[in-house]
Amino acid sequence: MAIMRTMNDENRDIEGVLKKAHTLIEALPYIQKFNGKKIVVKYGGSAMLNDELRYNVIKDVALLKLVGLKPIIVHGGGKEISKWLEKFGKEPEFVNGLRVTDAETLEIAEMVLNRINKDLVSMMEKNGVKAVGISGKDGGMIMCEKKMPDGKDIGMVGNVVGVDDKLLDTLIDNDFVPVICPLGIGKNYETYNINADDAACGVARAIGAEKLVFLTDIEGIYIDPEDKDTLVSEMDLEQALDFIKNGVVGGGMLPKLQNCIEAIQHGVARVHILDGRLPHCLLLEFYTEQGIGTAILKDSLF
């Protein structure tokens, strides 16, 4: 026997339903504006280590795809690589934030990154979106040369010198979401480990992405890192350059902001820095008036 519900049902929440409707209406102009646009999401940090957060990120990307965007994921895996190195008795070593990568480290990194890659593909498929996991080696997509920070040889760490977008265009045109792990190939077909931020920036430039999003472990860019009220919601290219020139940012944020600036200078319209630990941060930034995190714009705000 069917159960009849009435308007007096104690579980009925008209106010809550209206809020959901308002949220959908608020999102409409953004859905229209970015329909058919390519976006690159660099996924890394602590959000990759928490199962619930990881699944929320993938659900967000799946929704972006289903409402008309053309997303590409570039993922890292540094914390997981370090964990496996320690299991093999190797102490992780870094120079200027880059992992020192000898032959054994590269082998472990490739193993871990490919496993993460296929896990993310499976999650995407579970959410009803077709995905293909690849590395920058596939199709000679990400070409590299050896990176030498301050002239120091840190092993098989790649500096991105070119990205061939043919494979990406083929996948996108056939309704797949590419999921890329940051491995590249050299002129002699050697494998390079690439910083995931560098890989995402190179991919975004090559495909002419409308947006590049960095999911990180921080809320965004602060004028004063000790004062949470100084979070910068939006800045233009000139302001971002001034932040570096005047020493406002430093540490791990400096290379990230430099990547943002480079992407903007090479045609990406907007770059976002978001806290990947915040559930559904992508949807909040893309489809709400207030947004979260820091957006860096190509054009002046004024």
C-alpha atoms as a PDB file:
ATOM      1  CA  MET A   1       0.000   0.000   0.000  1.00  0.00           C
ATOM      2  CA  ALA A   2       1.391   3.404  -0.988  1.00  0.00           C
ATOM      3  CA  ILE A   3       2.103   5.936   1.755  1.00  0.00           C
ATOM      4  CA  MET A   4       0.528   9.365   1.258  1.00  0.00           C
ATOM      5  CA  ARG A   5       2.454  12.429   2.425  1.00  0.00           C
ATOM      6  CA  THR A   6       0.741  15.702   3.322  1.00  0.00           C
ATOM      7  CA  MET A   7       1.802  19.349   3.404  1.00  0.00           C
ATOM      8  CA  ASN A   8       1.960  19.027   7.184  1.00  0.00           C
ATOM      9  CA  ASP A   9       4.594  16.348   7.038  1.00  0.00           C
ATOM     10  CA  GLU A  10       7.029  17.268   9.799  1.00  0.00           C
ATOM     11  CA  ASN A  11       9.953  16.421   7.555  1.00  0.00           C
ATOM     12  CA  ARG A  12       8.894  18.947   4.900  1.00  0.00           C
ATOM     13  CA  ASP A  13      11.203  21.988   4.909  1.00  0.00           C
ATOM     14  CA  ILE A  14       9.881  24.645   2.519  1.00  0.00           C
ATOM     15  CA  GLU A  15      12.569  27.128   3.513  1.00  0.00           C
ATOM     16  CA  GLY A  16      15.298  24.590   2.815  1.00  0.00           C
ATOM     17  CA  VAL A  17      13.796  23.724  -0.569  1.00  0.00           C
ATOM     18  CA  LEU A  18      13.598  27.422  -1.511  1.00  0.00           C
ATOM     19  CA  LYS A  19      17.265  27.888  -0.565  1.00  0.00           C
ATOM     20  CA  LYS A  20      18.183  25.050  -2.901  1.00  0.00           C
ATOM     21  CA  ALA A  21      16.141  26.649  -5.678  1.00  0.00           C
ATOM     22  CA  HIS A  22      17.860  30.008  -5.075  1.00  0.00           C
ATOM     23  CA  THR A  23      21.261  28.327  -5.282  1.00  0.00           C
ATOM     24  CA  LEU A  24      20.358  26.770  -8.630  1.00  0.00           C
ATOM     25  CA  ILE A  25      19.106  30.106  -9.994  1.00  0.00           C
ATOM     26  CA  GLU A  26      22.275  31.838  -8.741  1.00  0.00           C
ATOM     27  CA  ALA A  27      24.354  29.288 -10.639  1.00  0.00           C
ATOM     28  CA  LEU A  28      22.487  29.746 -13.945  1.00  0.00           C
ATOM     29  CA  PRO A  29      24.466  32.708 -15.388  1.00  0.00           C
ATOM     30  CA  TYR A  30      27.764  30.998 -14.540  1.00  0.00           C
ATOM     31  CA  ILE A  31      26.605  27.749 -16.181  1.00  0.00           C
ATOM     32  CA  GLN A  32      25.698  29.746 -19.300  1.00  0.00           C
ATOM     33  CA  LYS A  33      28.958  31.723 -19.285  1.00  0.00           C
ATOM     34  CA  PHE A  34      31.273  28.725 -19.023  1.00  0.00           C
ATOM     35  CA  ASN A  35      29.315  26.233 -21.123  1.00  0.00           C
ATOM     36  CA  GLY A  36      31.705  24.481 -23.507  1.00  0.00           C
ATOM     37  CA  LYS A  37      34.819  26.037 -21.921  1.00  0.00           C
ATOM     38  CA  LYS A  38      37.908  23.994 -21.083  1.00  0.00           C
ATOM     39  CA  ILE A  39      39.131  24.068 -17.496  1.00  0.00           C
ATOM     40  CA  VAL A  40      42.130  22.450 -15.836  1.00  0.00           C
ATOM     41  CA  VAL A  41      41.911  21.315 -12.209  1.00  0.00           C
ATOM     42  CA  LYS A  42      45.204  20.627 -10.458  1.00  0.00           C
ATOM     43  CA  TYR A  43      44.307  18.228  -7.670  1.00  0.00           C
ATOM     44  CA  GLY A  44      46.721  17.578  -4.817  1.00  0.00           C
ATOM     45  CA  GLY A  45      47.445  18.205  -1.168  1.00  0.00           C
ATOM     46  CA  SER A  46      45.688  16.804   1.875  1.00  0.00           C
ATOM     47  CA  ALA A  47      42.344  16.500   0.057  1.00  0.00           C
ATOM     48  CA  MET A  48      43.805  13.489  -1.772  1.00  0.00           C
ATOM     49  CA  LEU A  49      44.427  11.627   1.492  1.00  0.00           C
ATOM     50  CA  ASN A  50      40.867  11.796   2.814  1.00  0.00           C
ATOM     51  CA  ASP A  51      38.431   9.417   1.098  1.00  0.00           C
ATOM     52  CA  GLU A  52      35.382  11.646   1.595  1.00  0.00           C
ATOM     53  CA  LEU A  53      37.131  14.807   0.362  1.00  0.00           C
ATOM     54  CA  ARG A  54      38.618  12.953  -2.590  1.00  0.00           C
ATOM     55  CA  TYR A  55      35.208  11.682  -3.628  1.00  0.00           C
ATOM     56  CA  ASN A  56      33.673  15.155  -3.190  1.00  0.00           C
ATOM     57  CA  VAL A  57      36.275  16.663  -5.535  1.00  0.00           C
ATOM     58  CA  ILE A  58      35.540  14.049  -8.177  1.00  0.00           C
ATOM     59  CA  LYS A  59      31.790  14.582  -7.779  1.00  0.00           C
ATOM     60  CA  ASP A  60      32.333  18.306  -8.317  1.00  0.00           C
ATOM     61  CA  VAL A  61      34.332  17.678 -11.501  1.00  0.00           C
ATOM     62  CA  ALA A  62      31.677  15.228 -12.703  1.00  0.00           C
ATOM     63  CA  LEU A  63      28.982  17.860 -12.163  1.00  0.00           C
ATOM     64  CA  LEU A  64      31.050  20.485 -13.999  1.00  0.00           C
ATOM     65  CA  LYS A  65      31.257  18.082 -16.939  1.00  0.00           C
ATOM     66  CA  LEU A  66      27.550  17.278 -16.889  1.00  0.00           C
ATOM     67  CA  VAL A  67      26.528  20.967 -16.938  1.00  0.00           C
ATOM     68  CA  GLY A  68      28.603  21.684 -20.014  1.00  0.00           C
ATOM     69  CA  LEU A  69      32.209  22.407 -19.057  1.00  0.00           C
ATOM     70  CA  LYS A  70      35.155  20.433 -20.436  1.00  0.00           C
ATOM     71  CA  PRO A  71      37.327  19.583 -17.416  1.00  0.00           C
ATOM     72  CA  ILE A  72      40.805  18.101 -17.326  1.00  0.00           C
ATOM     73  CA  ILE A  73      42.325  16.840 -14.066  1.00  0.00           C
ATOM     74  CA  VAL A  74      46.059  16.993 -13.410  1.00  0.00           C
ATOM     75  CA  HIS A  75      46.824  15.268 -10.121  1.00  0.00           C
ATOM     76  CA  GLY A  76      49.781  15.032  -7.823  1.00  0.00           C
ATOM     77  CA  GLY A  77      50.603  12.415  -5.234  1.00  0.00           C
ATOM     78  CA  GLY A  78      53.586  13.714  -3.305  1.00  0.00           C
ATOM     79  CA  LYS A  79      52.488  12.652   0.162  1.00  0.00           C
ATOM     80  CA  GLU A  80      51.665   9.141  -1.043  1.00  0.00           C
ATOM     81  CA  ILE A  81      55.010   8.883  -2.878  1.00  0.00           C
ATOM     82  CA  SER A  82      56.854   9.888   0.299  1.00  0.00           C
ATOM     83  CA  LYS A  83      54.962   7.245   2.268  1.00  0.00           C
ATOM     84  CA  TRP A  84      55.974   4.516  -0.175  1.00  0.00           C
ATOM     85  CA  LEU A  85      59.580   5.690  -0.304  1.00  0.00           C
ATOM     86  CA  GLU A  86      59.762   5.316   3.471  1.00  0.00           C
ATOM     87  CA  LYS A  87      58.317   1.800   3.176  1.00  0.00           C
ATOM     88  CA  PHE A  88      61.240   0.979   0.896  1.00  0.00           C
ATOM     89  CA  GLY A  89      63.682   2.512   3.367  1.00  0.00           C
ATOM     90  CA  LYS A  90      64.343   5.693   1.367  1.00  0.00           C
ATOM     91  CA  GLU A  91      64.227   9.103   3.020  1.00  0.00           C
ATOM     92  CA  PRO A  92      62.391  11.664   0.836  1.00  0.00           C
ATOM     93  CA  GLU A  93      64.669  14.556  -0.127  1.00  0.00           C
ATOM     94  CA  PHE A  94      63.693  17.943  -1.535  1.00  0.00           C
ATOM     95  CA  VAL A  95      65.514  20.909  -3.052  1.00  0.00           C
ATOM     96  CA  ASN A  96      63.543  24.140  -3.439  1.00  0.00           C
ATOM     97  CA  GLY A  97      60.345  22.150  -2.968  1.00  0.00           C
ATOM     98  CA  LEU A  98      61.245  19.660  -5.725  1.00  0.00           C
ATOM     99  CA  ARG A  99      61.677  15.972  -5.003  1.00  0.00           C
ATOM    100  CA  VAL A 100      65.171  14.623  -5.620  1.00  0.00           C
ATOM    101  CA  THR A 101      64.434  11.785  -8.038  1.00  0.00           C
ATOM    102  CA  ASP A 102      66.989   9.046  -8.597  1.00  0.00           C
ATOM    103  CA  ALA A 103      66.174   5.918 -10.627  1.00  0.00           C
ATOM    104  CA  GLU A 104      64.615   4.031  -7.695  1.00  0.00           C
ATOM    105  CA  THR A 105      62.578   7.048  -6.585  1.00  0.00           C
ATOM    106  CA  LEU A 106      61.311   7.527 -10.141  1.00  0.00           C
ATOM    107  CA  GLU A 107      60.214   3.893 -10.316  1.00  0.00           C
ATOM    108  CA  ILE A 108      58.290   4.211  -7.047  1.00  0.00           C
ATOM    109  CA  ALA A 109      56.795   7.567  -8.051  1.00  0.00           C
ATOM    110  CA  GLU A 110      55.562   6.175 -11.361  1.00  0.00           C
ATOM    111  CA  MET A 111      53.985   3.191  -9.602  1.00  0.00           C
ATOM    112  CA  VAL A 112      52.189   5.381  -7.039  1.00  0.00           C
ATOM    113  CA  LEU A 113      51.038   8.015  -9.535  1.00  0.00           C
ATOM    114  CA  ASN A 114      49.588   5.419 -11.895  1.00  0.00           C
ATOM    115  CA  ARG A 115      47.689   3.790  -9.043  1.00  0.00           C
ATOM    116  CA  ILE A 116      46.247   7.152  -7.938  1.00  0.00           C
ATOM    117  CA  ASN A 117      45.410   7.916 -11.553  1.00  0.00           C
ATOM    118  CA  LYS A 118      43.307   4.805 -12.022  1.00  0.00           C
ATOM    119  CA  ASP A 119      41.556   5.294  -8.666  1.00  0.00           C
ATOM    120  CA  LEU A 120      40.442   8.765  -9.773  1.00  0.00           C
ATOM    121  CA  VAL A 121      39.255   7.393 -13.115  1.00  0.00           C
ATOM    122  CA  SER A 122      37.173   4.760 -11.310  1.00  0.00           C
ATOM    123  CA  MET A 123      35.584   7.434  -9.104  1.00  0.00           C
ATOM    124  CA  MET A 124      34.724   9.525 -12.136  1.00  0.00           C
ATOM    125  CA  GLU A 125      33.145   6.554 -13.878  1.00  0.00           C
ATOM    126  CA  LYS A 126      31.152   5.815 -10.714  1.00  0.00           C
ATOM    127  CA  ASN A 127      29.658   9.302 -11.039  1.00  0.00           C
ATOM    128  CA  GLY A 128      28.445   8.640 -14.563  1.00  0.00           C
ATOM    129  CA  VAL A 129      31.215  10.425 -16.458  1.00  0.00           C
ATOM    130  CA  LYS A 130      33.589   8.735 -18.907  1.00  0.00           C
ATOM    131  CA  ALA A 131      37.238   9.287 -17.993  1.00  0.00           C
ATOM    132  CA  VAL A 132      40.617   8.164 -19.300  1.00  0.00           C
ATOM    133  CA  GLY A 133      43.760   8.048 -17.179  1.00  0.00           C
ATOM    134  CA  ILE A 134      46.984   9.028 -18.923  1.00  0.00           C
ATOM    135  CA  SER A 135      50.414  10.381 -18.111  1.00  0.00           C
ATOM    136  CA  GLY A 136      52.329  13.098 -19.901  1.00  0.00           C
ATOM    137  CA  LYS A 137      54.334  10.312 -21.560  1.00  0.00           C
ATOM    138  CA  ASP A 138      51.323   9.089 -23.540  1.00  0.00           C
ATOM    139  CA  GLY A 139      51.383  10.332 -27.096  1.00  0.00           C
ATOM    140  CA  GLY A 140      54.502  12.343 -26.262  1.00  0.00           C
ATOM    141  CA  MET A 141      52.135  14.840 -24.667  1.00  0.00           C
ATOM    142  CA  ILE A 142      54.404  16.578 -22.120  1.00  0.00           C
ATOM    143  CA  MET A 143      57.938  17.141 -23.342  1.00  0.00           C
ATOM    144  CA  CYS A 144      60.608  17.840 -20.738  1.00  0.00           C
ATOM    145  CA  GLU A 145      64.213  18.674 -20.162  1.00  0.00           C
ATOM    146  CA  LYS A 146      66.097  18.173 -16.921  1.00  0.00           C
ATOM    147  CA  LYS A 147      65.287  20.767 -14.262  1.00  0.00           C
ATOM    148  CA  MET A 148      68.345  22.169 -12.483  1.00  0.00           C
ATOM    149  CA  PRO A 149      67.293  24.394  -9.552  1.00  0.00           C
ATOM    150  CA  ASP A 150      70.156  26.778  -8.762  1.00  0.00           C
ATOM    151  CA  GLY A 151      72.306  24.657 -11.101  1.00  0.00           C
ATOM    152  CA  LYS A 152      71.944  21.559  -8.921  1.00  0.00           C
ATOM    153  CA  ASP A 153      71.314  18.131 -10.453  1.00  0.00           C
ATOM    154  CA  ILE A 154      68.365  16.600  -8.573  1.00  0.00           C
ATOM    155  CA  GLY A 155      67.880  13.616 -10.843  1.00  0.00           C
ATOM    156  CA  MET A 156      65.029  12.903 -13.240  1.00  0.00           C
ATOM    157  CA  VAL A 157      62.944  15.976 -12.471  1.00  0.00           C
ATOM    158  CA  GLY A 158      61.444  17.537 -15.567  1.00  0.00           C
ATOM    159  CA  ASN A 159      61.044  21.100 -16.677  1.00  0.00           C
ATOM    160  CA  VAL A 160      58.080  21.341 -19.066  1.00  0.00           C
ATOM    161  CA  VAL A 161      59.224  22.673 -22.442  1.00  0.00           C
ATOM    162  CA  GLY A 162      56.177  21.801 -24.531  1.00  0.00           C
ATOM    163  CA  VAL A 163      52.726  20.220 -24.443  1.00  0.00           C
ATOM    164  CA  ASP A 164      51.137  18.553 -27.475  1.00  0.00           C
ATOM    165  CA  ASP A 165      47.358  18.885 -27.123  1.00  0.00           C
ATOM    166  CA  LYS A 166      46.342  16.397 -29.854  1.00  0.00           C
ATOM    167  CA  LEU A 167      45.617  13.530 -27.455  1.00  0.00           C
ATOM    168  CA  LEU A 168      43.730  15.818 -25.070  1.00  0.00           C
ATOM    169  CA  ASP A 169      41.608  17.247 -27.883  1.00  0.00           C
ATOM    170  CA  THR A 170      40.819  13.738 -29.109  1.00  0.00           C
ATOM    171  CA  LEU A 171      39.630  12.650 -25.653  1.00  0.00           C
ATOM    172  CA  ILE A 172      37.621  15.824 -24.995  1.00  0.00           C
ATOM    173  CA  ASP A 173      35.996  15.743 -28.436  1.00  0.00           C
ATOM    174  CA  ASN A 174      34.872  12.179 -27.706  1.00  0.00           C
ATOM    175  CA  ASP A 175      33.294  13.172 -24.380  1.00  0.00           C
ATOM    176  CA  PHE A 176      36.004  11.841 -22.042  1.00  0.00           C
ATOM    177  CA  VAL A 177      37.518  13.604 -19.043  1.00  0.00           C
ATOM    178  CA  PRO A 178      41.325  13.270 -19.220  1.00  0.00           C
ATOM    179  CA  VAL A 179      42.963  12.475 -15.873  1.00  0.00           C
ATOM    180  CA  ILE A 180      46.691  13.202 -16.108  1.00  0.00           C
ATOM    181  CA  CYS A 181      49.513  12.123 -13.810  1.00  0.00           C
ATOM    182  CA  PRO A 182      52.611  14.367 -13.898  1.00  0.00           C
ATOM    183  CA  LEU A 183      55.154  12.283 -15.766  1.00  0.00           C
ATOM    184  CA  GLY A 184      56.814  13.561 -18.922  1.00  0.00           C
ATOM    185  CA  ILE A 185      59.200  12.423 -21.609  1.00  0.00           C
ATOM    186  CA  GLY A 186      62.563  13.754 -22.752  1.00  0.00           C
ATOM    187  CA  LYS A 187      64.092  14.045 -26.211  1.00  0.00           C
ATOM    188  CA  ASN A 188      65.727  10.629 -25.755  1.00  0.00           C
ATOM    189  CA  TYR A 189      62.425   9.132 -24.500  1.00  0.00           C
ATOM    190  CA  GLU A 190      63.554   9.118 -20.884  1.00  0.00           C
ATOM    191  CA  THR A 191      60.920   9.509 -18.156  1.00  0.00           C
ATOM    192  CA  TYR A 192      60.758  12.617 -15.985  1.00  0.00           C
ATOM    193  CA  ASN A 193      58.937  13.284 -12.736  1.00  0.00           C
ATOM    194  CA  ILE A 194      57.194  16.682 -13.004  1.00  0.00           C
ATOM    195  CA  ASN A 195      55.900  19.020 -10.331  1.00  0.00           C
ATOM    196  CA  ALA A 196      52.112  18.736 -10.712  1.00  0.00           C
ATOM    197  CA  ASP A 197      51.656  22.531 -10.616  1.00  0.00           C
ATOM    198  CA  ASP A 198      54.082  22.871 -13.540  1.00  0.00           C
ATOM    199  CA  ALA A 199      52.284  20.129 -15.469  1.00  0.00           C
ATOM    200  CA  ALA A 200      48.867  21.723 -14.898  1.00  0.00           C
ATOM    201  CA  CYS A 201      50.161  25.119 -15.982  1.00  0.00           C
ATOM    202  CA  GLY A 202      51.658  23.653 -19.165  1.00  0.00           C
ATOM    203  CA  VAL A 203      48.450  21.807 -20.034  1.00  0.00           C
ATOM    204  CA  ALA A 204      46.278  24.881 -19.386  1.00  0.00           C
ATOM    205  CA  ARG A 205      48.463  27.000 -21.657  1.00  0.00           C
ATOM    206  CA  ALA A 206      48.464  24.405 -24.444  1.00  0.00           C
ATOM    207  CA  ILE A 207      44.691  23.976 -24.603  1.00  0.00           C
ATOM    208  CA  GLY A 208      43.831  27.637 -24.026  1.00  0.00           C
ATOM    209  CA  ALA A 209      41.916  26.871 -20.832  1.00  0.00           C
ATOM    210  CA  GLU A 210      39.328  29.354 -19.634  1.00  0.00           C
ATOM    211  CA  LYS A 211      40.194  28.487 -16.037  1.00  0.00           C
ATOM    212  CA  LEU A 212      43.071  26.862 -14.179  1.00  0.00           C
ATOM    213  CA  VAL A 213      42.323  25.792 -10.618  1.00  0.00           C
ATOM    214  CA  PHE A 214      44.890  24.859  -7.985  1.00  0.00           C
ATOM    215  CA  LEU A 215      43.415  22.817  -5.124  1.00  0.00           C
ATOM    216  CA  THR A 216      45.777  23.358  -2.186  1.00  0.00           C
ATOM    217  CA  ASP A 217      46.029  23.142   1.592  1.00  0.00           C
ATOM    218  CA  ILE A 218      45.486  26.885   2.086  1.00  0.00           C
ATOM    219  CA  GLU A 219      42.454  29.142   1.725  1.00  0.00           C
ATOM    220  CA  GLY A 220      44.067  31.423  -0.870  1.00  0.00           C
ATOM    221  CA  ILE A 221      46.493  34.357  -0.930  1.00  0.00           C
ATOM    222  CA  TYR A 222      46.727  36.628   2.110  1.00  0.00           C
ATOM    223  CA  ILE A 223      48.162  40.124   2.347  1.00  0.00           C
ATOM    224  CA  ASP A 224      49.172  39.110   5.877  1.00  0.00           C
ATOM    225  CA  PRO A 225      49.312  35.302   6.396  1.00  0.00           C
ATOM    226  CA  GLU A 226      48.843  35.851  10.138  1.00  0.00           C
ATOM    227  CA  ASP A 227      45.562  37.731   9.606  1.00  0.00           C
ATOM    228  CA  LYS A 228      42.758  35.603   8.124  1.00  0.00           C
ATOM    229  CA  ASP A 229      40.760  38.764   7.362  1.00  0.00           C
ATOM    230  CA  THR A 230      43.293  39.764   4.682  1.00  0.00           C
ATOM    231  CA  LEU A 231      42.376  36.988   2.234  1.00  0.00           C
ATOM    232  CA  VAL A 232      42.410  38.422  -1.302  1.00  0.00           C
ATOM    233  CA  SER A 233      39.265  37.392  -3.168  1.00  0.00           C
ATOM    234  CA  GLU A 234      40.319  38.734  -6.592  1.00  0.00           C
ATOM    235  CA  MET A 235      43.399  40.335  -8.083  1.00  0.00           C
ATOM    236  CA  ASP A 236      44.533  41.156 -11.596  1.00  0.00           C
ATOM    237  CA  LEU A 237      47.833  40.285 -13.247  1.00  0.00           C
ATOM    238  CA  GLU A 238      49.495  43.583 -12.327  1.00  0.00           C
ATOM    239  CA  GLN A 239      48.581  43.178  -8.669  1.00  0.00           C
ATOM    240  CA  ALA A 240      49.884  39.598  -8.638  1.00  0.00           C
ATOM    241  CA  LEU A 241      53.218  40.779 -10.061  1.00  0.00           C
ATOM    242  CA  ASP A 242      53.369  43.481  -7.381  1.00  0.00           C
ATOM    243  CA  PHE A 243      52.792  40.856  -4.670  1.00  0.00           C
ATOM    244  CA  ILE A 244      55.934  39.020  -5.817  1.00  0.00           C
ATOM    245  CA  LYS A 245      57.987  42.166  -6.370  1.00  0.00           C
ATOM    246  CA  ASN A 246      57.152  43.508  -2.905  1.00  0.00           C
ATOM    247  CA  GLY A 247      57.704  40.181  -1.134  1.00  0.00           C
ATOM    248  CA  VAL A 248      54.096  39.821   0.024  1.00  0.00           C
ATOM    249  CA  VAL A 249      54.137  36.084  -0.720  1.00  0.00           C
ATOM    250  CA  GLY A 250      56.874  33.594   0.030  1.00  0.00           C
ATOM    251  CA  GLY A 251      57.541  29.962   0.825  1.00  0.00           C
ATOM    252  CA  GLY A 252      55.468  27.390  -1.039  1.00  0.00           C
ATOM    253  CA  MET A 253      53.019  30.028  -2.248  1.00  0.00           C
ATOM    254  CA  LEU A 254      55.665  31.863  -4.295  1.00  0.00           C
ATOM    255  CA  PRO A 255      56.161  29.221  -7.033  1.00  0.00           C
ATOM    256  CA  LYS A 256      52.407  28.622  -7.121  1.00  0.00           C
ATOM    257  CA  LEU A 257      51.716  32.324  -7.704  1.00  0.00           C
ATOM    258  CA  GLN A 258      54.470  32.397 -10.329  1.00  0.00           C
ATOM    259  CA  ASN A 259      52.726  29.504 -12.113  1.00  0.00           C
ATOM    260  CA  CYS A 260      49.452  31.431 -11.934  1.00  0.00           C
ATOM    261  CA  ILE A 261      51.071  34.506 -13.480  1.00  0.00           C
ATOM    262  CA  GLU A 262      52.717  32.453 -16.226  1.00  0.00           C
ATOM    263  CA  ALA A 263      49.385  30.836 -17.099  1.00  0.00           C
ATOM    264  CA  ILE A 264      47.665  34.234 -17.304  1.00  0.00           C
ATOM    265  CA  GLN A 265      50.474  35.627 -19.461  1.00  0.00           C
ATOM    266  CA  HIS A 266      50.005  32.734 -21.886  1.00  0.00           C
ATOM    267  CA  GLY A 267      46.285  33.098 -22.435  1.00  0.00           C
ATOM    268  CA  VAL A 268      44.454  31.517 -19.474  1.00  0.00           C
ATOM    269  CA  ALA A 269      41.654  33.936 -18.524  1.00  0.00           C
ATOM    270  CA  ARG A 270      41.351  33.095 -14.807  1.00  0.00           C
ATOM    271  CA  VAL A 271      43.415  31.168 -12.285  1.00  0.00           C
ATOM    272  CA  HIS A 272      41.936  30.098  -8.952  1.00  0.00           C
ATOM    273  CA  ILE A 273      43.681  29.050  -5.739  1.00  0.00           C
ATOM    274  CA  LEU A 274      41.252  27.112  -3.529  1.00  0.00           C
ATOM    275  CA  ASP A 275      41.366  25.133  -0.296  1.00  0.00           C
ATOM    276  CA  GLY A 276      40.813  21.560  -1.458  1.00  0.00           C
ATOM    277  CA  ARG A 277      39.974  20.527   2.106  1.00  0.00           C
ATOM    278  CA  LEU A 278      36.707  22.479   1.903  1.00  0.00           C
ATOM    279  CA  PRO A 279      33.909  20.221   0.611  1.00  0.00           C
ATOM    280  CA  HIS A 280      32.622  21.243  -2.833  1.00  0.00           C
ATOM    281  CA  CYS A 281      35.053  24.151  -3.092  1.00  0.00           C
ATOM    282  CA  LEU A 282      34.928  23.974  -6.892  1.00  0.00           C
ATOM    283  CA  LEU A 283      31.171  24.470  -7.011  1.00  0.00           C
ATOM    284  CA  LEU A 284      31.294  27.274  -4.449  1.00  0.00           C
ATOM    285  CA  GLU A 285      33.931  29.133  -6.460  1.00  0.00           C
ATOM    286  CA  PHE A 286      32.443  28.590  -9.909  1.00  0.00           C
ATOM    287  CA  TYR A 287      28.726  28.897  -9.259  1.00  0.00           C
ATOM    288  CA  THR A 288      28.121  31.297  -6.372  1.00  0.00           C
ATOM    289  CA  GLU A 289      28.252  35.085  -6.317  1.00  0.00           C
ATOM    290  CA  GLN A 290      30.551  35.264  -3.298  1.00  0.00           C
ATOM    291  CA  GLY A 291      32.948  32.484  -4.235  1.00  0.00           C
ATOM    292  CA  ILE A 292      35.861  31.375  -2.084  1.00  0.00           C
ATOM    293  CA  GLY A 293      39.635  31.356  -2.335  1.00  0.00           C
ATOM    294  CA  THR A 294      41.613  33.722  -4.561  1.00  0.00           C
ATOM    295  CA  ALA A 295      40.950  34.360  -8.247  1.00  0.00           C
ATOM    296  CA  ILE A 296      43.636  35.938 -10.449  1.00  0.00           C
ATOM    297  CA  LEU A 297      42.203  37.596 -13.541  1.00  0.00           C
ATOM    298  CA  LYS A 298      43.796  38.380 -16.867  1.00  0.00           C
ATOM    299  CA  ASP A 299      42.108  41.747 -17.164  1.00  0.00           C
ATOM    300  CA  SER A 300      42.149  44.655 -14.696  1.00  0.00           C
ATOM    301  CA  LEU A 301      39.435  44.726 -12.073  1.00  0.00           C
ATOM    302  CA  PHE A 302      38.841  48.427 -12.649  1.00  0.00           C
END
